[in-house]
Each structure stands twice: as structure tokens, then as C-alpha cells.
């Protein structure tokens, strides 16, 4: 069975603030689709070299969304 994994997260909020970052493949993410690499123009090497860990990516996204442990922070 083929699998897929996130390689990049990007967004722009309603005020125009934007962010994006690459995600470093977890060691368990061994499947790589050459066709997807061609379509997206991102090879595995830059992800390994410059990507955030899965944990760092999740934390950064949670911070941007105003979440704490997956729950909306209270004002």
C-alpha cells in the first residue's frame, strides 16, 4: 500500500500575514513518490536538510492557530 505524508504547510490569514515551512520526513516515512516530486518540484533532500521535525511543525501550526494541545486558547 502506498502512503503519503505532508511535506509543507503554508497559510495566509485574513489580515494578510503569511507563513510556510517544509516538514522533514520522519524516519518511518520511507515511501517516496518520484512523480509527486516532479509535480511539486520538491525533492527529499531539501526536506531532510531544511525541514522542521513533525513535532516542530505541529507546534508552529498550533501556535499560528491559537491552539494549546489541540484546543483553542481562551482570550
Foldseek 3Di string as FASTA:
>chain_A
DDDDDAFKDKDADPVGDIDMFTEQDDPVNPDDDPVVCVVVVDDNVCSNVGGDYPVVVVVVVCVVVCHDPNHHDDD
